[in-house]
């Protein structure tokens, strides 16, 4: 069966969950990856995935693979200190590739472009308060303009912080590794306020449902917020208990990132985003919940156990 879907960023956090969701539904997928061995390991249980070695920045390869695709999942991401000159450039190339077949670009967005807006709706004005937020505004405009000029269709799904299997960023991976090893769980700035997070498998299911439903307008955007945890302390302690670890948390203060930023450029970029940990930002996802009224998140305990098991097997070899 010929694949209609090209996934870029399939070995990353959201891209992995999205790809796995489709493969479990026996929907064939094509992926372009730089690390073929990593991809083969991640998707070793499936035979309906076409793995193509390459880089999404290779426009000729991108156009060659995308020429007959109906959907292109844009899950490409870079370390914070490499965003500029990469995220904008690769997005322009993905748009060009999608224009060959007027494909739908499926784009997992984030809250950066809204700044400190406490409650974000689909039509909330964009008020970025960081450089990376301003870049997200630019990326969104690129996608909107491409859709409205007939080059492609765009499904933009805005997500909060995410966690789950294969989420290996510096904010999430140490939490699960430390829990497994019986150590204190690290978190930044505050653990005593509500924080919205989404389990990647839930995000993937919602995005797949929206993709399969299709778009009536050239550009459509939706929020999906997952779950609001009353406090991160409660969420982190539940992870510790699930791993039979002591309920201990190490909270990194804001000033620490200032010091680390002197030696590590990426920490300057992390510091810029700490406003998301100082206050509560909530995505209003009533729109998608009205479209899919029976949609239910994975029970929290089940999601935590599955994530711990994934890290034990894939990161610690236990």
Foldseek 3Di string as FASTA:
>chain_A
DDAQEEEECCLADLNVLLQVVCQVVVHAYEYEEQDVVSVCVSPVVGDRYHYHYDHLLPLVVLLVVLLRHQEYEPPDDDQLVPCPPPVVNSLVSNLQSCLNPQHEYEYEAECQQQPVAAEDEPPRDGDHPFPVNVVSVVSVVVQVVSLVVSSHAYEYEYEYAEDAFSHCDPAHNQLLVCLLVQHAGEHEAFFQAKEFYAYSNLVSVLSVVDVVVPDPGSYDYAYDTHDIDRTNLVVSQLLNVLSVHDSHHDYHYLVVLVVVCVVDVSSVSVSRVCVCVVHHHGYDGVPSCVVVVVDDGDPSNVRSNNRSVSCCCPVVND
